[in-house]
């Protein structure tokens, strides 16, 4: 049997891969991301009307959105929403909460430490490492620029 060339393999994968409706996906992602942001603003307004300061209301919004996405993940609904919305659910904080809860649920049968504890950070660990590293680099750049300008 003769090996397949790169060109033949590329033709085979192109033929087997369905085309993606890019415009439709972008619209759904935009609408869903916008709906999440609208929900966040609504919650922020409600928390402020209940007497919280703006800073505490924003904290409450983050906690609420994380809780809701973790709950939807636990109920098996988040994946259905994400299939429809694409990146609209994955980019905001809701996607990070889903990335934490999904592996924990999948591997919970392996126990609290080896299953949930380890697998929770399988996906979100790199996000934390690079996010924290980027914030440190940004902070150092800000400090240097601020020191030069003042």
N, C-alpha and C. Protein backbone atom coordinates (compact mmCIF):
# COMPACT_ATOMS: atom_id res chain seq x y z
N UNK A 1 0.84 -1.17 0.00
CA UNK A 1 0.00 0.00 0.00
C UNK A 1 0.89 1.25 0.00
N UNK A 2 0.60 2.13 -0.89
CA UNK A 2 1.42 3.33 -1.07
C UNK A 2 0.99 4.41 -0.08
N UNK A 3 1.96 5.13 0.53
CA UNK A 3 1.61 6.19 1.49
C UNK A 3 0.90 7.36 0.80
N UNK A 4 0.10 8.04 1.58
CA UNK A 4 -0.66 9.18 1.07
C UNK A 4 0.23 10.43 1.13
N UNK A 5 0.17 11.21 0.08
CA UNK A 5 0.94 12.45 0.05
C UNK A 5 0.20 13.53 0.84
N UNK A 6 0.89 14.60 1.13
CA UNK A 6 0.28 15.70 1.87
C UNK A 6 -0.88 16.33 1.11
N UNK A 7 -0.72 16.43 -0.21
CA UNK A 7 -1.78 17.02 -1.03
C UNK A 7 -3.02 16.12 -1.02
N UNK A 8 -2.83 14.81 -1.11
CA UNK A 8 -3.96 13.89 -1.08
C UNK A 8 -4.66 13.94 0.27
N UNK A 9 -3.86 14.00 1.33
CA UNK A 9 -4.44 14.09 2.67
C UNK A 9 -5.24 15.38 2.85
N UNK A 10 -4.70 16.48 2.35
CA UNK A 10 -5.41 17.77 2.43
C UNK A 10 -6.73 17.72 1.69
N UNK A 11 -6.75 17.08 0.51
CA UNK A 11 -8.00 16.94 -0.26
C UNK A 11 -9.01 16.09 0.50
N UNK A 12 -8.52 15.01 1.13
CA UNK A 12 -9.41 14.12 1.87
C UNK A 12 -10.03 14.83 3.08
N UNK A 13 -9.22 15.59 3.80
CA UNK A 13 -9.76 16.28 4.97
C UNK A 13 -10.70 17.41 4.58
N UNK A 14 -10.40 18.09 3.49
CA UNK A 14 -11.29 19.15 3.01
C UNK A 14 -12.64 18.58 2.59
N UNK A 15 -12.60 17.42 1.97
CA UNK A 15 -13.82 16.77 1.50
C UNK A 15 -14.64 16.27 2.70
N UNK A 16 -13.97 15.74 3.72
CA UNK A 16 -14.66 15.18 4.88
C UNK A 16 -15.13 16.24 5.86
N UNK A 17 -14.50 17.40 5.88
CA UNK A 17 -14.85 18.45 6.84
C UNK A 17 -16.01 19.28 6.31
N UNK A 18 -17.06 19.41 7.10
CA UNK A 18 -18.17 20.26 6.65
C UNK A 18 -17.77 21.74 6.72
N UNK A 19 -18.33 22.51 5.83
CA UNK A 19 -18.04 23.94 5.86
C UNK A 19 -18.77 24.58 7.04
N UNK A 20 -18.16 25.57 7.61
CA UNK A 20 -18.72 26.23 8.78
C UNK A 20 -19.45 27.50 8.36
N UNK A 21 -20.68 27.66 8.86
CA UNK A 21 -21.42 28.90 8.55
C UNK A 21 -20.88 30.06 9.39
N UNK A 22 -19.80 30.66 8.95
CA UNK A 22 -19.06 31.64 9.75
C UNK A 22 -19.91 32.84 10.14
N UNK A 23 -20.63 33.40 9.20
CA UNK A 23 -21.43 34.60 9.48
C UNK A 23 -22.50 34.28 10.53
N UNK A 24 -23.19 33.17 10.36
CA UNK A 24 -24.23 32.76 11.31
C UNK A 24 -23.61 32.54 12.70
N UNK A 25 -22.48 31.87 12.75
CA UNK A 25 -21.81 31.62 14.03
C UNK A 25 -21.41 32.93 14.71
N UNK A 26 -20.90 33.87 13.94
CA UNK A 26 -20.51 35.18 14.50
C UNK A 26 -21.72 35.92 15.06
N UNK A 27 -22.83 35.87 14.35
CA UNK A 27 -24.04 36.55 14.81
C UNK A 27 -24.55 35.92 16.10
N UNK A 28 -24.61 34.57 16.15
CA UNK A 28 -25.07 33.90 17.37
C UNK A 28 -24.14 34.18 18.54
N UNK A 29 -22.82 34.18 18.30
CA UNK A 29 -21.86 34.47 19.36
C UNK A 29 -22.03 35.90 19.86
N UNK A 30 -22.21 36.83 18.94
CA UNK A 30 -22.41 38.24 19.30
C UNK A 30 -23.68 38.41 20.13
N UNK A 31 -24.77 37.81 19.68
CA UNK A 31 -26.04 37.95 20.40
C UNK A 31 -25.99 37.30 21.77
N UNK A 32 -25.39 36.13 21.86
CA UNK A 32 -25.32 35.44 23.14
C UNK A 32 -24.39 36.17 24.10
N UNK A 33 -23.22 36.57 23.62
CA UNK A 33 -22.31 37.35 24.46
C UNK A 33 -22.96 38.64 24.93
N UNK A 34 -23.70 39.29 24.03
CA UNK A 34 -24.43 40.51 24.39
C UNK A 34 -25.51 40.24 25.42
N UNK A 35 -26.19 39.10 25.29
CA UNK A 35 -27.23 38.75 26.27
C UNK A 35 -26.62 38.51 27.64
N UNK A 36 -25.45 37.86 27.68
CA UNK A 36 -24.76 37.64 28.96
C UNK A 36 -24.36 38.98 29.58
N UNK A 37 -23.84 39.87 28.75
CA UNK A 37 -23.46 41.20 29.25
C UNK A 37 -24.68 41.99 29.72
N UNK A 38 -25.78 41.86 29.01
CA UNK A 38 -27.02 42.54 29.40
C UNK A 38 -27.52 41.99 30.73
N UNK A 39 -27.45 40.67 30.90
CA UNK A 39 -27.82 40.06 32.17
C UNK A 39 -26.92 40.59 33.29
N UNK A 40 -25.64 40.69 33.01
CA UNK A 40 -24.71 41.22 34.00
C UNK A 40 -25.05 42.65 34.39
N UNK A 41 -25.37 43.48 33.42
CA UNK A 41 -25.73 44.87 33.72
C UNK A 41 -27.04 44.93 34.50
N UNK A 42 -28.00 44.08 34.12
CA UNK A 42 -29.27 44.02 34.86
C UNK A 42 -29.02 43.64 36.32
N UNK A 43 -28.18 42.61 36.53
CA UNK A 43 -27.87 42.19 37.90
C UNK A 43 -27.16 43.31 38.67
N UNK A 44 -26.25 44.00 38.00
CA UNK A 44 -25.53 45.10 38.64
C UNK A 44 -26.51 46.18 39.08
N UNK A 45 -27.43 46.54 38.22
CA UNK A 45 -28.44 47.55 38.56
C UNK A 45 -29.30 47.08 39.74
N UNK A 46 -29.70 45.80 39.72
CA UNK A 46 -30.53 45.27 40.80
C UNK A 46 -29.77 45.28 42.13
N UNK A 47 -28.51 44.87 42.10
CA UNK A 47 -27.71 44.87 43.33
C UNK A 47 -27.52 46.28 43.87
N UNK A 48 -27.36 47.25 42.99
CA UNK A 48 -27.23 48.64 43.44
C UNK A 48 -28.54 49.14 44.04
N UNK A 49 -29.66 48.75 43.46
CA UNK A 49 -30.96 49.15 44.01
C UNK A 49 -31.20 48.53 45.37
N UNK A 50 -30.56 47.37 45.61
CA UNK A 50 -30.67 46.71 46.92
C UNK A 50 -29.74 47.35 47.95
N UNK A 51 -28.93 48.34 47.52
CA UNK A 51 -28.11 49.07 48.47
C UNK A 51 -26.61 48.79 48.38
N UNK A 52 -26.18 47.97 47.46
CA UNK A 52 -24.74 47.71 47.33
C UNK A 52 -24.06 48.85 46.58
N UNK A 53 -22.81 49.08 46.91
CA UNK A 53 -22.02 50.07 46.17
C UNK A 53 -21.75 49.49 44.77
N UNK A 54 -21.29 50.33 43.87
CA UNK A 54 -21.00 49.87 42.51
C UNK A 54 -19.95 48.76 42.52
N UNK A 55 -18.91 48.94 43.33
CA UNK A 55 -17.85 47.93 43.39
C UNK A 55 -18.38 46.60 43.92
N UNK A 56 -19.19 46.62 44.97
CA UNK A 56 -19.76 45.39 45.51
C UNK A 56 -20.79 44.78 44.57
N UNK A 57 -21.53 45.63 43.86
CA UNK A 57 -22.50 45.12 42.89
C UNK A 57 -21.78 44.39 41.76
N UNK A 58 -20.65 44.94 41.30
CA UNK A 58 -19.89 44.27 40.24
C UNK A 58 -19.35 42.93 40.72
N UNK A 59 -18.92 42.88 41.96
CA UNK A 59 -18.45 41.62 42.54
C UNK A 59 -19.61 40.62 42.58
N UNK A 60 -20.78 41.09 42.98
CA UNK A 60 -21.97 40.24 43.00
C UNK A 60 -22.33 39.71 41.63
N UNK A 61 -22.14 40.54 40.60
CA UNK A 61 -22.41 40.10 39.22
C UNK A 61 -21.47 38.97 38.84
N UNK A 62 -20.19 39.11 39.14
CA UNK A 62 -19.23 38.06 38.82
C UNK A 62 -19.59 36.76 39.51
N UNK A 63 -19.90 36.84 40.79
CA UNK A 63 -20.27 35.65 41.54
C UNK A 63 -21.54 35.03 40.97
N UNK A 64 -22.51 35.86 40.64
CA UNK A 64 -23.79 35.36 40.10
C UNK A 64 -23.60 34.68 38.75
N UNK A 65 -22.82 35.30 37.87
CA UNK A 65 -22.61 34.70 36.54
C UNK A 65 -21.81 33.40 36.64
N UNK A 66 -20.84 33.35 37.53
CA UNK A 66 -20.09 32.11 37.74
C UNK A 66 -21.01 31.03 38.28
N UNK A 67 -21.84 31.38 39.27
CA UNK A 67 -22.77 30.41 39.83
C UNK A 67 -23.75 29.89 38.79
N UNK A 68 -24.33 30.82 38.00
CA UNK A 68 -25.30 30.40 36.99
C UNK A 68 -24.68 29.48 35.94
N UNK A 69 -23.47 29.81 35.48
CA UNK A 69 -22.86 28.95 34.47
C UNK A 69 -22.44 27.62 35.05
N UNK A 70 -22.00 27.59 36.32
CA UNK A 70 -21.67 26.31 36.96
C UNK A 70 -22.93 25.47 37.14
N UNK A 71 -24.02 26.11 37.52
CA UNK A 71 -25.29 25.40 37.67
C UNK A 71 -25.77 24.84 36.33
N UNK A 72 -25.72 25.67 35.29
CA UNK A 72 -26.14 25.21 33.96
C UNK A 72 -25.25 24.07 33.47
N UNK A 73 -23.96 24.12 33.80
CA UNK A 73 -23.06 23.03 33.43
C UNK A 73 -23.44 21.77 34.18
N UNK A 74 -23.70 21.88 35.48
CA UNK A 74 -24.07 20.72 36.29
C UNK A 74 -25.39 20.10 35.81
N UNK A 75 -26.30 20.91 35.32
CA UNK A 75 -27.58 20.41 34.82
C UNK A 75 -27.49 19.90 33.38
N UNK A 76 -26.33 20.08 32.76
CA UNK A 76 -26.14 19.63 31.39
C UNK A 76 -26.71 20.57 30.34
N UNK A 77 -27.03 21.78 30.72
CA UNK A 77 -27.63 22.74 29.78
C UNK A 77 -26.60 23.65 29.12
N UNK A 78 -25.47 23.88 29.78
CA UNK A 78 -24.49 24.83 29.25
C UNK A 78 -23.95 24.38 27.90
N UNK A 79 -23.70 23.09 27.73
CA UNK A 79 -23.17 22.59 26.46
C UNK A 79 -24.15 22.84 25.31
N UNK A 80 -25.44 22.68 25.58
CA UNK A 80 -26.43 22.94 24.54
C UNK A 80 -26.45 24.42 24.15
N UNK A 81 -26.35 25.28 25.13
CA UNK A 81 -26.31 26.73 24.86
C UNK A 81 -25.03 27.05 24.09
N UNK A 82 -23.90 26.47 24.50
CA UNK A 82 -22.62 26.74 23.84
C UNK A 82 -22.62 26.24 22.40
N UNK A 83 -23.29 25.12 22.13
CA UNK A 83 -23.37 24.64 20.75
C UNK A 83 -24.09 25.64 19.87
N UNK A 84 -25.10 26.27 20.41
CA UNK A 84 -25.86 27.27 19.67
C UNK A 84 -25.07 28.58 19.57
N UNK A 85 -24.47 28.99 20.68
CA UNK A 85 -23.88 30.33 20.77
C UNK A 85 -22.41 30.39 20.40
N UNK A 86 -21.73 29.28 20.42
CA UNK A 86 -20.30 29.28 20.09
C UNK A 86 -19.50 30.08 21.10
N UNK A 87 -18.64 30.94 20.60
CA UNK A 87 -17.74 31.72 21.47
C UNK A 87 -18.48 32.72 22.34
N UNK A 88 -19.73 32.97 22.07
CA UNK A 88 -20.50 33.91 22.88
C UNK A 88 -20.60 33.50 24.34
N UNK A 89 -20.54 32.19 24.62
CA UNK A 89 -20.57 31.72 26.01
C UNK A 89 -19.19 31.41 26.54
N UNK A 90 -18.24 31.25 25.65
CA UNK A 90 -16.92 30.81 26.08
C UNK A 90 -15.99 31.95 26.45
N UNK A 91 -16.18 33.10 25.86
CA UNK A 91 -15.27 34.22 26.09
C UNK A 91 -15.48 34.87 27.46
N UNK A 92 -16.71 35.16 27.87
CA UNK A 92 -16.89 35.82 29.17
C UNK A 92 -16.54 34.88 30.33
N UNK A 93 -16.73 35.36 31.52
CA UNK A 93 -16.42 34.61 32.74
C UNK A 93 -17.22 33.32 32.81
N UNK A 94 -18.35 33.26 32.12
CA UNK A 94 -19.17 32.06 32.12
C UNK A 94 -18.42 30.88 31.50
N UNK A 95 -17.64 31.15 30.47
CA UNK A 95 -16.86 30.08 29.84
C UNK A 95 -15.80 29.54 30.76
N UNK A 96 -15.20 30.41 31.56
CA UNK A 96 -14.18 29.96 32.50
C UNK A 96 -14.82 29.08 33.58
N UNK A 97 -15.98 29.46 34.07
CA UNK A 97 -16.67 28.65 35.07
C UNK A 97 -17.02 27.29 34.50
N UNK A 98 -17.48 27.26 33.26
CA UNK A 98 -17.77 25.99 32.59
C UNK A 98 -16.52 25.14 32.45
N UNK A 99 -15.40 25.78 32.13
CA UNK A 99 -14.14 25.04 31.98
C UNK A 99 -13.67 24.46 33.30
N UNK A 100 -14.07 25.04 34.40
CA UNK A 100 -13.71 24.51 35.72
C UNK A 100 -14.64 23.36 36.13
N UNK A 101 -15.92 23.50 35.87
CA UNK A 101 -16.91 22.55 36.36
C UNK A 101 -16.97 21.29 35.49
N UNK A 102 -16.85 21.43 34.17
CA UNK A 102 -16.99 20.28 33.27
C UNK A 102 -16.04 19.14 33.59
N UNK A 103 -14.72 19.38 33.66
CA UNK A 103 -13.83 18.27 33.97
C UNK A 103 -14.04 17.70 35.37
N UNK A 104 -14.41 18.56 36.30
CA UNK A 104 -14.66 18.07 37.66
C UNK A 104 -15.83 17.10 37.67
N UNK A 105 -16.88 17.40 36.92
CA UNK A 105 -18.03 16.50 36.85
C UNK A 105 -17.69 15.21 36.11
N UNK A 106 -16.90 15.34 35.05
CA UNK A 106 -16.56 14.18 34.25
C UNK A 106 -15.72 13.17 35.04
N UNK A 107 -14.84 13.66 35.91
CA UNK A 107 -13.93 12.78 36.62
C UNK A 107 -14.26 12.65 38.11
N UNK A 108 -15.47 13.01 38.51
CA UNK A 108 -15.82 12.94 39.93
C UNK A 108 -15.81 11.52 40.46
N UNK A 109 -16.02 10.53 39.59
CA UNK A 109 -16.00 9.13 40.03
C UNK A 109 -14.62 8.69 40.48
N UNK A 110 -13.57 9.42 40.10
CA UNK A 110 -12.21 9.07 40.50
C UNK A 110 -11.86 9.62 41.87
N UNK A 111 -12.77 10.30 42.52
CA UNK A 111 -12.54 10.80 43.87
C UNK A 111 -12.33 12.30 43.90
N UNK A 112 -12.30 12.83 45.12
CA UNK A 112 -12.17 14.27 45.29
C UNK A 112 -10.81 14.79 44.88
N UNK A 113 -9.74 14.08 45.22
CA UNK A 113 -8.39 14.58 44.94
C UNK A 113 -7.97 14.22 43.52
N UNK A 114 -7.90 12.92 43.22
CA UNK A 114 -7.41 12.48 41.91
C UNK A 114 -8.38 12.80 40.78
N UNK A 115 -9.64 12.88 41.07
CA UNK A 115 -10.62 13.17 40.03
C UNK A 115 -10.93 14.64 39.92
N UNK A 116 -11.78 15.09 40.84
CA UNK A 116 -12.25 16.48 40.76
C UNK A 116 -11.13 17.49 40.99
N UNK A 117 -10.30 17.27 41.97
CA UNK A 117 -9.25 18.24 42.30
C UNK A 117 -8.25 18.43 41.19
N UNK A 118 -7.79 17.33 40.61
CA UNK A 118 -6.77 17.39 39.56
C UNK A 118 -7.37 17.83 38.24
N UNK A 119 -8.47 17.25 37.86
CA UNK A 119 -9.05 17.51 36.54
C UNK A 119 -9.67 18.89 36.42
N UNK A 120 -10.05 19.50 37.54
CA UNK A 120 -10.61 20.84 37.48
C UNK A 120 -9.63 21.81 36.86
N UNK A 121 -8.35 21.65 37.17
CA UNK A 121 -7.35 22.59 36.68
C UNK A 121 -6.67 22.13 35.40
N UNK A 122 -7.13 21.02 34.82
CA UNK A 122 -6.54 20.54 33.56
C UNK A 122 -6.74 21.58 32.46
N UNK A 123 -7.92 22.09 32.35
CA UNK A 123 -8.23 23.07 31.30
C UNK A 123 -7.97 24.48 31.79
N UNK A 124 -8.39 24.77 33.00
CA UNK A 124 -8.31 26.15 33.48
C UNK A 124 -6.92 26.51 34.00
N UNK A 125 -6.09 25.53 34.31
CA UNK A 125 -4.75 25.82 34.80
C UNK A 125 -3.93 26.70 33.87
N UNK A 126 -3.83 26.33 32.58
CA UNK A 126 -3.08 27.19 31.66
C UNK A 126 -3.68 28.59 31.54
N UNK A 127 -5.00 28.69 31.62
CA UNK A 127 -5.64 30.00 31.55
C UNK A 127 -5.19 30.85 32.74
N UNK A 128 -5.16 30.24 33.92
CA UNK A 128 -4.72 30.96 35.10
C UNK A 128 -3.25 31.37 34.99
N UNK A 129 -2.41 30.43 34.57
CA UNK A 129 -0.98 30.72 34.48
C UNK A 129 -0.72 31.86 33.50
N UNK A 130 -1.28 31.77 32.31
CA UNK A 130 -1.03 32.81 31.31
C UNK A 130 -1.73 34.11 31.65
N UNK A 131 -2.90 34.03 32.27
CA UNK A 131 -3.60 35.26 32.68
C UNK A 131 -2.83 36.00 33.76
N UNK A 132 -2.36 35.27 34.75
CA UNK A 132 -1.58 35.89 35.82
C UNK A 132 -0.26 36.42 35.28
N UNK A 133 0.39 35.63 34.43
CA UNK A 133 1.67 36.08 33.84
C UNK A 133 1.48 37.34 33.00
N UNK A 134 0.42 37.37 32.21
CA UNK A 134 0.15 38.55 31.39
C UNK A 134 -0.12 39.77 32.26
N UNK A 135 -0.84 39.57 33.37
CA UNK A 135 -1.12 40.72 34.24
C UNK A 135 0.15 41.23 34.92
N UNK A 136 1.08 40.33 35.24
CA UNK A 136 2.35 40.76 35.83
C UNK A 136 3.16 41.56 34.81
N UNK A 137 3.23 41.06 33.58
CA UNK A 137 3.97 41.76 32.52
C UNK A 137 3.33 43.12 32.26
N UNK A 138 2.00 43.15 32.18
CA UNK A 138 1.30 44.41 31.98
C UNK A 138 1.58 45.38 33.11
N UNK A 139 1.55 44.88 34.35
CA UNK A 139 1.84 45.73 35.51
C UNK A 139 3.24 46.30 35.48
N UNK A 140 4.22 45.48 35.05
CA UNK A 140 5.60 45.96 34.97
C UNK A 140 5.74 47.02 33.88
N UNK A 141 5.11 46.80 32.74
CA UNK A 141 5.15 47.79 31.66
C UNK A 141 4.49 49.09 32.12
N UNK A 142 3.36 48.98 32.77
CA UNK A 142 2.66 50.16 33.28
C UNK A 142 3.53 50.91 34.28
N UNK A 143 4.18 50.19 35.17
CA UNK A 143 5.04 50.81 36.18
C UNK A 143 6.21 51.54 35.52
N UNK A 144 6.83 50.90 34.51
CA UNK A 144 7.98 51.53 33.83
C UNK A 144 7.52 52.79 33.09
N UNK A 145 6.44 52.70 32.35
CA UNK A 145 5.92 53.85 31.59
C UNK A 145 5.52 54.96 32.56
N UNK A 146 4.84 54.59 33.64
CA UNK A 146 4.41 55.59 34.62
C UNK A 146 5.62 56.25 35.29
N UNK A 147 6.68 55.47 35.56
CA UNK A 147 7.89 56.02 36.17
C UNK A 147 8.60 56.99 35.23
N UNK A 148 8.59 56.67 33.95
CA UNK A 148 9.26 57.53 32.96
C UNK A 148 8.49 58.85 32.79
N UNK A 149 7.16 58.75 32.75
CA UNK A 149 6.34 59.93 32.48
C UNK A 149 6.18 60.85 33.69
N UNK A 150 6.44 60.36 34.89
CA UNK A 150 6.27 61.24 36.05
C UNK A 150 7.58 61.63 36.68
